Structure formats: structure tokens, C-alpha cells
Amino acid sequence: MSALADQIALTTSGITRLIDRIQTAGYVERRPCPTDRRVAFAAITDTGREVLDRAAVVHARNLWAAFGDFGEPDLTALDTLLDRLRKAASDIP
């Protein structure tokens, strides 16, 4: 959970509450780590996979609508800037 929290810029307690809500909805289940009993993994359920697959289609359509007129140089520049932004944000204590 702490690795996930780091990736999406939430506190560990924030990610725990988020996973609690997603688990209650039936989209993930917690699975214990086989080598460290202090660690639990969030594993997507079949229901969660179905919802994710549907959301991915909508997300892709929205991305095409937003960026469809961007040329390759624009997309490359945007990708470079976003990488710099992610790095800068991750360096903030």
C-alpha cells in the first residue's frame, strides 16, 4: 500500500481509506504478502477488471478527443514536459 501511495501522491492512511472503499465496492481484494505479514497487496477482482476495461475505452476516447489535433512534435514536447513535472514533483519533500 505504501508503494501505491507514493505513486499517486497520497499518504499511506489516505490510500488505505481509498482501498477500503474500492474493496467495499468489490473491485479489489487484499492479499497478504507471502514473505512479510506486515504487507498486504491490493489485487483487482474480476468485477474490478470489467469496470477498468470499460473505463479504459472511455478514457482512450477522451484522450483522442483532447489530443487528436496534436502533431507528433507537440506530443513529444508534452511528454518531455510531463516527465520533468513528475520528477520535480517527486523531489518535493
C-alpha atoms as a PDB file:
ATOM      1  CA  MET A   1       0.000   0.000   0.000  1.00  0.00           C
ATOM      2  CA  SER A   2       2.834   2.414   0.742  1.00  0.00           C
ATOM      3  CA  ALA A   3       4.352   1.904  -2.725  1.00  0.00           C
ATOM      4  CA  LEU A   4       0.961   2.651  -4.260  1.00  0.00           C
ATOM      5  CA  ALA A   5       0.595   5.731  -2.057  1.00  0.00           C
ATOM      6  CA  ASP A   6       3.955   7.026  -3.300  1.00  0.00           C
ATOM      7  CA  GLN A   7       2.954   6.528  -6.938  1.00  0.00           C
ATOM      8  CA  ILE A   8      -0.275   8.501  -6.691  1.00  0.00           C
ATOM      9  CA  ALA A   9       0.829  11.123  -4.158  1.00  0.00           C
ATOM     10  CA  LEU A  10      -1.394  10.070  -1.260  1.00  0.00           C
ATOM     11  CA  THR A  11      -0.454   9.336   2.313  1.00  0.00           C
ATOM     12  CA  THR A  12      -0.436   5.716   3.424  1.00  0.00           C
ATOM     13  CA  SER A  13      -3.558   6.332   5.502  1.00  0.00           C
ATOM     14  CA  GLY A  14      -5.213   8.014   2.504  1.00  0.00           C
ATOM     15  CA  ILE A  15      -4.502   5.034   0.267  1.00  0.00           C
ATOM     16  CA  THR A  16      -5.767   2.676   2.978  1.00  0.00           C
ATOM     17  CA  ARG A  17      -9.088   4.546   3.101  1.00  0.00           C
ATOM     18  CA  LEU A  18      -9.267   4.557  -0.707  1.00  0.00           C
ATOM     19  CA  ILE A  19      -8.593   0.804  -0.901  1.00  0.00           C
ATOM     20  CA  ASP A  20     -11.208   0.242   1.827  1.00  0.00           C
ATOM     21  CA  ARG A  21     -13.833   1.971  -0.341  1.00  0.00           C
ATOM     22  CA  ILE A  22     -12.748   0.168  -3.515  1.00  0.00           C
ATOM     23  CA  GLN A  23     -12.770  -3.152  -1.658  1.00  0.00           C
ATOM     24  CA  THR A  24     -16.272  -2.461  -0.302  1.00  0.00           C
ATOM     25  CA  ALA A  25     -17.392  -1.861  -3.904  1.00  0.00           C
ATOM     26  CA  GLY A  26     -15.964  -5.285  -4.821  1.00  0.00           C
ATOM     27  CA  TYR A  27     -13.272  -4.045  -7.218  1.00  0.00           C
ATOM     28  CA  VAL A  28     -10.201  -5.182  -5.276  1.00  0.00           C
ATOM     29  CA  GLU A  29      -9.341  -7.626  -2.553  1.00  0.00           C
ATOM     30  CA  ARG A  30      -6.489  -7.530  -0.094  1.00  0.00           C
ATOM     31  CA  ARG A  31      -3.982 -10.365  -0.289  1.00  0.00           C
ATOM     32  CA  PRO A  32      -1.271 -10.950   2.277  1.00  0.00           C
ATOM     33  CA  CYS A  33       2.366 -10.878   1.214  1.00  0.00           C
ATOM     34  CA  PRO A  34       3.747 -14.412   1.425  1.00  0.00           C
ATOM     35  CA  THR A  35       7.106 -13.212   2.787  1.00  0.00           C
ATOM     36  CA  ASP A  36       6.151 -10.277   5.044  1.00  0.00           C
ATOM     37  CA  ARG A  37       2.998 -10.476   7.134  1.00  0.00           C
ATOM     38  CA  ARG A  38       3.033  -6.684   7.683  1.00  0.00           C
ATOM     39  CA  VAL A  39       2.405  -6.164   3.951  1.00  0.00           C
ATOM     40  CA  ALA A  40      -0.862  -6.537   2.072  1.00  0.00           C
ATOM     41  CA  PHE A  41      -1.374  -6.266  -1.664  1.00  0.00           C
ATOM     42  CA  ALA A  42      -4.460  -4.870  -3.385  1.00  0.00           C
ATOM     43  CA  ALA A  43      -5.449  -7.306  -6.129  1.00  0.00           C
ATOM     44  CA  ILE A  44      -8.060  -6.454  -8.735  1.00  0.00           C
ATOM     45  CA  THR A  45     -11.133  -8.691  -8.797  1.00  0.00           C
ATOM     46  CA  ASP A  46     -12.949  -9.897 -11.904  1.00  0.00           C
ATOM     47  CA  THR A  47     -15.582  -7.209 -11.301  1.00  0.00           C
ATOM     48  CA  GLY A  48     -12.858  -4.597 -10.929  1.00  0.00           C
ATOM     49  CA  ARG A  49     -11.248  -5.758 -14.187  1.00  0.00           C
ATOM     50  CA  GLU A  50     -14.565  -5.393 -16.041  1.00  0.00           C
ATOM     51  CA  VAL A  51     -15.051  -1.862 -14.710  1.00  0.00           C
ATOM     52  CA  LEU A  52     -11.441  -0.965 -15.537  1.00  0.00           C
ATOM     53  CA  ASP A  53     -11.773  -2.312 -19.085  1.00  0.00           C
ATOM     54  CA  ARG A  54     -14.906  -0.217 -19.692  1.00  0.00           C
ATOM     55  CA  ALA A  55     -13.289   2.870 -18.172  1.00  0.00           C
ATOM     56  CA  ALA A  56     -10.187   2.403 -20.343  1.00  0.00           C
ATOM     57  CA  VAL A  57     -12.293   2.583 -23.505  1.00  0.00           C
ATOM     58  CA  VAL A  58     -13.907   5.838 -22.373  1.00  0.00           C
ATOM     59  CA  HIS A  59     -10.542   7.229 -21.265  1.00  0.00           C
ATOM     60  CA  ALA A  60      -8.915   6.422 -24.625  1.00  0.00           C
ATOM     61  CA  ARG A  61     -11.798   8.072 -26.475  1.00  0.00           C
ATOM     62  CA  ASN A  62     -11.429  11.182 -24.309  1.00  0.00           C
ATOM     63  CA  LEU A  63      -7.677  11.303 -24.915  1.00  0.00           C
ATOM     64  CA  TRP A  64      -8.218  11.110 -28.677  1.00  0.00           C
ATOM     65  CA  ALA A  65     -10.760  13.926 -28.423  1.00  0.00           C
ATOM     66  CA  ALA A  66      -8.381  16.089 -26.380  1.00  0.00           C
ATOM     67  CA  PHE A  67      -5.138  15.374 -28.238  1.00  0.00           C
ATOM     68  CA  GLY A  68      -6.290  14.297 -31.694  1.00  0.00           C
ATOM     69  CA  ASP A  69      -5.181  17.563 -33.302  1.00  0.00           C
ATOM     70  CA  PHE A  70      -1.723  17.488 -31.716  1.00  0.00           C
ATOM     71  CA  GLY A  71       1.105  16.554 -34.054  1.00  0.00           C
ATOM     72  CA  GLU A  72       3.958  14.220 -33.177  1.00  0.00           C
ATOM     73  CA  PRO A  73       6.320  17.087 -32.220  1.00  0.00           C
ATOM     74  CA  ASP A  74       3.669  18.538 -29.888  1.00  0.00           C
ATOM     75  CA  LEU A  75       3.041  15.180 -28.227  1.00  0.00           C
ATOM     76  CA  THR A  76       6.775  14.566 -27.815  1.00  0.00           C
ATOM     77  CA  ALA A  77       7.236  18.006 -26.241  1.00  0.00           C
ATOM     78  CA  LEU A  78       4.263  17.449 -23.933  1.00  0.00           C
ATOM     79  CA  ASP A  79       5.597  14.040 -22.879  1.00  0.00           C
ATOM     80  CA  THR A  80       9.003  15.550 -22.112  1.00  0.00           C
ATOM     81  CA  LEU A  81       7.454  18.348 -20.056  1.00  0.00           C
ATOM     82  CA  LEU A  82       5.232  15.932 -18.134  1.00  0.00           C
ATOM     83  CA  ASP A  83       8.250  13.754 -17.328  1.00  0.00           C
ATOM     84  CA  ARG A  84      10.054  16.822 -15.977  1.00  0.00           C
ATOM     85  CA  LEU A  85       6.989  17.797 -13.957  1.00  0.00           C
ATOM     86  CA  ARG A  86       6.679  14.284 -12.465  1.00  0.00           C
ATOM     87  CA  LYS A  87      10.346  14.301 -11.481  1.00  0.00           C
ATOM     88  CA  ALA A  88      10.131  17.777  -9.979  1.00  0.00           C
ATOM     89  CA  ALA A  89       7.008  16.833  -8.030  1.00  0.00           C
ATOM     90  CA  SER A  90       8.598  13.631  -6.727  1.00  0.00           C
ATOM     91  CA  ASP A  91      11.594  15.607  -5.463  1.00  0.00           C
ATOM     92  CA  ILE A  92       9.421  17.817  -3.255  1.00  0.00           C
ATOM     93  CA  PRO A  93       9.681  16.639   0.360  1.00  0.00           C
END
